[in-house]
Amino acid sequence: MARAILGNHSAIVLPRAEQDRIRRFYRDVLGCEIIRENEQKDDFRMGDNFYIGVLYEDESVAHARRLFAAWLEHVVGLTPPAAAAAPAATDRPA
């Protein structure tokens, strides 16, 4: 039997021009800790064990990438019978 859950990492792409506002929002409004920051990407810890990466792009790129929504980590564990029955990652139809 397969078991899948959302992991403890997420990421979004936002406009670089909003970086200061975004940092203040996550830090001051949501209470996140900024654990890494630079011009390209900030990493925030929310609570004890959830991490959000904010990738900064120019407005046109950020807008286009936002159309794909947020990235969420998926964690999948397979019990031995399910693992044996699961197709290999390379077993894709032509």
Foldseek 3Di string as FASTA:
>chain_A
DKDKDWAQEKEAEDALVCVVVVVCCCCVVQNWDFPDDDSAWTWTDRPDGHIYIYGHDHPVVRVVRCVVPMDIHMDMDDDVVVVVVDDDPPPDDD
